[in-house]
Protein backbone atom coordinates (compact mmCIF):
# COMPACT_ATOMS: atom_id res chain seq x y z
CA MET A 1 -7.04 -17.50 6.44
CA ALA A 2 -3.60 -17.79 5.69
CA ALA A 3 -1.87 -16.11 2.66
CA ALA A 4 -1.49 -17.92 -0.73
CA GLY A 5 2.53 -17.87 -0.03
CA ASP A 6 2.12 -19.27 3.73
CA PHE A 7 0.85 -22.72 1.92
CA THR A 8 2.60 -25.81 1.87
CA PRO A 9 2.69 -28.46 -0.77
CA GLU A 10 0.16 -30.56 1.06
CA SER A 11 -1.94 -27.80 1.92
CA GLU A 12 -2.70 -27.33 -2.05
CA ARG A 13 -2.87 -30.80 -2.71
CA VAL A 14 -5.15 -31.65 0.24
CA THR A 15 -7.06 -28.25 -1.15
CA ARG A 16 -7.08 -29.18 -4.79
CA GLN A 17 -8.64 -32.83 -4.08
CA LEU A 18 -11.47 -31.33 -2.33
CA ARG A 19 -12.36 -28.91 -4.54
CA ASP A 20 -12.11 -31.75 -7.45
CA GLU A 21 -14.43 -33.92 -5.50
CA ILE A 22 -17.04 -31.37 -4.61
CA VAL A 23 -17.53 -29.99 -8.38
CA ASP A 24 -17.18 -33.32 -9.73
CA GLY A 25 -19.79 -34.23 -6.78
CA ALA A 26 -17.88 -37.01 -5.28
CA ARG A 27 -18.70 -35.43 -1.99
CA ARG A 28 -22.18 -34.68 -2.15
CA PRO A 29 -24.26 -31.38 -0.44
CA GLY A 30 -24.34 -31.13 3.26
CA SER A 31 -21.97 -34.03 3.59
CA ARG A 32 -19.10 -33.71 6.61
CA LEU A 33 -15.75 -32.41 6.28
CA VAL A 34 -14.13 -32.85 9.10
CA GLU A 35 -10.45 -32.32 9.93
CA ARG A 36 -9.13 -35.58 11.69
CA ASP A 37 -11.19 -37.90 9.05
CA LEU A 38 -10.05 -35.82 6.64
CA ALA A 39 -6.37 -35.29 7.79
CA GLU A 40 -6.35 -39.54 8.51
CA ALA A 41 -8.23 -40.97 4.91
CA LEU A 42 -5.76 -38.15 2.98
CA GLY A 43 -2.64 -38.91 5.23
CA VAL A 44 -1.62 -35.86 6.57
CA SER A 45 -1.77 -34.05 9.62
CA ARG A 46 -4.57 -31.69 10.87
CA LEU A 47 -3.46 -27.63 9.57
CA PRO A 48 -3.24 -28.64 6.11
CA VAL A 49 -6.64 -29.85 6.23
CA ARG A 50 -7.29 -26.49 8.38
CA GLU A 51 -5.91 -24.47 5.61
CA ALA A 52 -7.83 -26.00 1.93
CA LEU A 53 -11.02 -25.81 4.74
CA ARG A 54 -10.78 -22.05 4.75
CA THR A 55 -9.40 -21.68 1.14
CA LEU A 56 -12.54 -23.85 -0.15
CA VAL A 57 -14.96 -21.98 2.37
CA SER A 58 -13.33 -18.58 1.08
CA GLU A 59 -13.81 -19.30 -2.86
CA GLY A 60 -17.83 -20.46 -1.93
CA LEU A 61 -17.82 -24.33 -1.76
CA VAL A 62 -17.80 -25.43 2.35
CA THR A 63 -20.02 -23.83 4.32
CA PRO A 64 -18.28 -23.72 8.26
CA ARG A 65 -19.61 -25.27 11.26
CA PRO A 66 -18.80 -24.69 15.38
CA ARG A 67 -15.00 -26.33 16.00
CA SER A 68 -13.11 -28.21 13.40
CA TRP A 69 -15.30 -29.32 11.07
CA ALA A 70 -17.25 -28.28 7.78
CA VAL A 71 -20.01 -29.25 5.17
CA VAL A 72 -20.41 -29.28 1.56
CA ARG A 73 -22.43 -26.12 0.74
CA GLU A 74 -26.19 -26.79 -0.22
CA PHE A 75 -26.53 -24.33 -3.17
CA THR A 76 -30.04 -23.17 -3.18
CA ALA A 77 -32.35 -22.33 -6.44
CA SER A 78 -31.84 -18.49 -5.61
CA ASP A 79 -27.75 -18.93 -5.36
CA ILE A 80 -28.06 -20.89 -8.45
CA THR A 81 -29.95 -17.51 -10.20
CA ASP A 82 -27.79 -15.24 -8.18
CA LEU A 83 -24.67 -17.39 -10.03
CA ASP A 84 -26.08 -18.13 -13.40
CA GLU A 85 -27.02 -13.89 -13.32
CA VAL A 86 -23.80 -12.57 -12.92
CA ARG A 87 -21.74 -16.15 -15.20
CA SER A 88 -24.14 -14.57 -18.09
CA GLY A 89 -22.52 -10.97 -17.34
CA LEU A 90 -19.35 -11.51 -17.19
CA GLU A 91 -19.67 -14.61 -20.67
CA THR A 92 -21.31 -12.46 -22.45
CA LEU A 93 -18.38 -10.20 -22.90
CA ALA A 94 -16.20 -12.77 -22.78
CA PHE A 95 -16.98 -14.62 -25.80
CA ARG A 96 -17.57 -10.99 -28.07
CA LEU A 97 -14.28 -10.08 -26.93
CA ALA A 98 -12.54 -13.87 -27.46
CA ALA A 99 -14.30 -13.63 -31.21
CA GLN A 100 -12.32 -10.03 -31.67
CA ARG A 101 -9.11 -10.44 -29.73
CA HIS A 102 -7.88 -14.25 -30.37
CA THR A 103 -4.62 -15.33 -31.10
CA ARG A 104 -3.93 -18.75 -33.27
CA PRO A 105 -2.27 -20.36 -30.62
CA GLY A 106 -5.78 -19.63 -28.22
CA LEU A 107 -7.82 -20.96 -31.00
CA GLU A 108 -5.70 -23.84 -30.88
CA ARG A 109 -5.82 -24.67 -26.70
CA LEU A 110 -9.77 -23.86 -27.68
CA ARG A 111 -10.22 -26.32 -29.70
CA ALA A 112 -8.29 -28.82 -28.06
CA THR A 113 -10.81 -28.19 -24.71
CA VAL A 114 -13.53 -28.94 -27.50
CA ASP A 115 -11.87 -32.08 -29.09
CA ALA A 116 -11.40 -33.65 -25.37
CA GLU A 117 -14.54 -32.63 -24.31
CA THR A 118 -16.66 -34.31 -27.16
CA ALA A 119 -14.38 -36.99 -26.63
CA ALA A 120 -15.17 -37.35 -22.93
CA ALA A 121 -19.00 -37.00 -24.07
CA ARG A 122 -18.44 -40.10 -26.44
CA ALA A 123 -16.74 -42.43 -24.15
CA GLY A 124 -19.62 -41.54 -21.86
CA ASP A 125 -16.67 -40.49 -18.68
CA ALA A 126 -19.00 -37.71 -17.39
CA VAL A 127 -16.39 -36.16 -15.15
CA GLY A 128 -13.80 -35.55 -17.75
CA ALA A 129 -16.76 -34.47 -20.03
CA ARG A 130 -17.86 -31.53 -17.54
CA ARG A 131 -14.28 -30.67 -16.86
CA ALA A 132 -13.43 -30.27 -20.18
CA ALA A 133 -16.37 -27.99 -20.28
CA ALA A 134 -15.23 -25.96 -17.92
CA ASP A 135 -11.53 -25.72 -19.18
CA PHE A 136 -13.53 -24.27 -22.58
CA HIS A 137 -15.33 -21.25 -20.80
CA GLU A 138 -11.84 -20.21 -18.85
CA THR A 139 -10.07 -20.88 -21.74
CA VAL A 140 -13.07 -18.60 -23.95
CA ILE A 141 -11.99 -16.13 -20.94
CA SER A 142 -8.60 -16.44 -21.36
CA LEU A 143 -8.55 -15.34 -24.86
CA ALA A 144 -10.51 -11.94 -24.26
CA ALA A 145 -7.42 -10.81 -23.47
CA ASN A 146 -9.12 -8.48 -20.34
CA GLU A 147 -7.05 -8.66 -17.15
CA LEU A 148 -10.31 -7.67 -15.02
CA LEU A 149 -12.37 -10.17 -16.55
CA ASN A 150 -9.45 -12.93 -15.66
CA GLU A 151 -9.20 -11.19 -12.38
CA LEU A 152 -12.96 -11.61 -11.52
CA GLU A 153 -12.98 -15.51 -13.13
CA HIS A 154 -10.52 -16.28 -11.33
CA VAL A 155 -12.37 -15.47 -7.62
CA LEU A 156 -15.88 -17.30 -8.84
CA ARG A 157 -13.93 -19.95 -10.40
CA SER A 158 -14.57 -22.62 -8.21
CA ARG A 159 -18.50 -21.40 -7.76
CA LEU A 160 -18.47 -21.62 -11.97
CA ARG A 161 -17.04 -24.59 -12.49
CA TRP A 162 -19.45 -26.11 -9.83
CA LEU A 163 -22.48 -24.86 -11.80
CA MET A 164 -21.42 -26.25 -15.28
CA GLY A 165 -21.58 -29.24 -13.66
CA GLN A 166 -24.66 -29.25 -13.26
CA HIS A 167 -26.17 -30.94 -16.01
CA ASP A 168 -26.00 -34.49 -17.58
CA ASP A 169 -26.19 -34.16 -21.36
CA LEU A 170 -23.18 -34.49 -22.27
CA LEU A 171 -22.97 -34.81 -25.63
CA GLY A 172 -26.05 -31.33 -26.29
CA VAL A 173 -22.82 -28.88 -24.20
CA ALA A 174 -20.36 -30.51 -26.46
CA ARG A 175 -22.02 -29.59 -29.50
CA GLU A 176 -23.09 -26.68 -27.98
CA HIS A 177 -19.25 -25.54 -27.86
CA GLU A 178 -18.18 -26.83 -31.37
CA ALA A 179 -20.44 -24.23 -32.47
CA LEU A 180 -19.19 -21.76 -30.33
CA TYR A 181 -16.00 -22.63 -31.39
CA ARG A 182 -16.12 -21.90 -35.17
CA ALA A 183 -17.93 -18.98 -34.66
CA ILE A 184 -15.10 -17.47 -32.21
CA ALA A 185 -13.08 -18.75 -35.21
CA GLU A 186 -14.47 -17.45 -38.01
CA ARG A 187 -14.55 -13.33 -35.74
CA ASP A 188 -18.57 -13.71 -35.92
CA VAL A 189 -19.80 -11.74 -33.07
CA GLU A 190 -23.20 -11.07 -34.28
CA ARG A 191 -23.39 -15.31 -34.20
CA VAL A 192 -21.56 -15.99 -31.41
CA GLN A 193 -24.10 -13.10 -29.25
CA GLU A 194 -26.84 -15.31 -30.43
CA LEU A 195 -25.29 -18.38 -29.71
CA VAL A 196 -23.90 -18.08 -25.81
CA LEU A 197 -27.49 -16.67 -25.31
CA GLU A 198 -28.52 -19.53 -26.44
CA HIS A 199 -25.97 -21.51 -24.46
CA LEU A 200 -26.21 -19.95 -20.83
CA ALA A 201 -30.06 -20.47 -21.26
CA THR A 202 -30.25 -24.02 -22.03
CA SER A 203 -27.55 -24.50 -18.28
CA ARG A 204 -29.70 -22.64 -16.92
CA SER A 205 -32.47 -24.74 -17.12
CA ALA A 206 -30.39 -27.19 -16.95
CA ALA A 207 -28.64 -26.55 -13.40
CA LEU A 208 -32.23 -25.17 -11.80
CA GLY A 209 -33.73 -28.95 -13.21
CA HIS A 210 -30.75 -30.73 -11.73
CA HIS A 211 -31.36 -28.84 -8.48
CA ALA A 212 -35.10 -30.05 -8.20
CA ARG A 213 -34.20 -33.60 -9.06
CA SER A 214 -31.72 -33.32 -6.29
CA GLN A 215 -34.55 -32.11 -3.93
CA ASP A 216 -37.33 -34.70 -4.45
CA PRO A 217 -37.40 -37.20 -1.92
CA ALA A 218 -38.47 -39.95 -4.31
């Protein structure tokens, strides 16, 4: 895989666009990603497309196939469970540390993500609400002020954003984030711990339920 410094602006743009389309659900699991077709559709040469696909393979969103194509990854129930277990460990720690260590500017950023998510949810903007929900979790990890935790989250970021998008209760998730925000702002570590466990449980149920429905041929 090319080093990050070797990427061109075109390859970064293609990577970002394809990543967003996969995470947002615009490109369905199992759908083909053919270099030639993508290059033509995006108005670029095949090289930036090839670099983008390599990056998305490394991020766990794409499965390579022989020659010059790939497919959007089809996450199994086991994949989702594994990812959820790792997410639970990271976020249980991150939320607790955020409650203890947050700064005023950081708390203002977190407030902005909750407001954006709630507004999008009320407007029925599923993509906007899910993106803001994922931003909420990433902001919490930044508030934890632990560089190793940030590094681990960055490795998993694309898969975590995909996982967090596997729900349909936009307002319900926004309300849970509002409650978590308030507990973090009050530095109520015990309450944060209680709320994050509940939040992870509902997220787990939503993701597995969403997956089961997607597998139902009816």
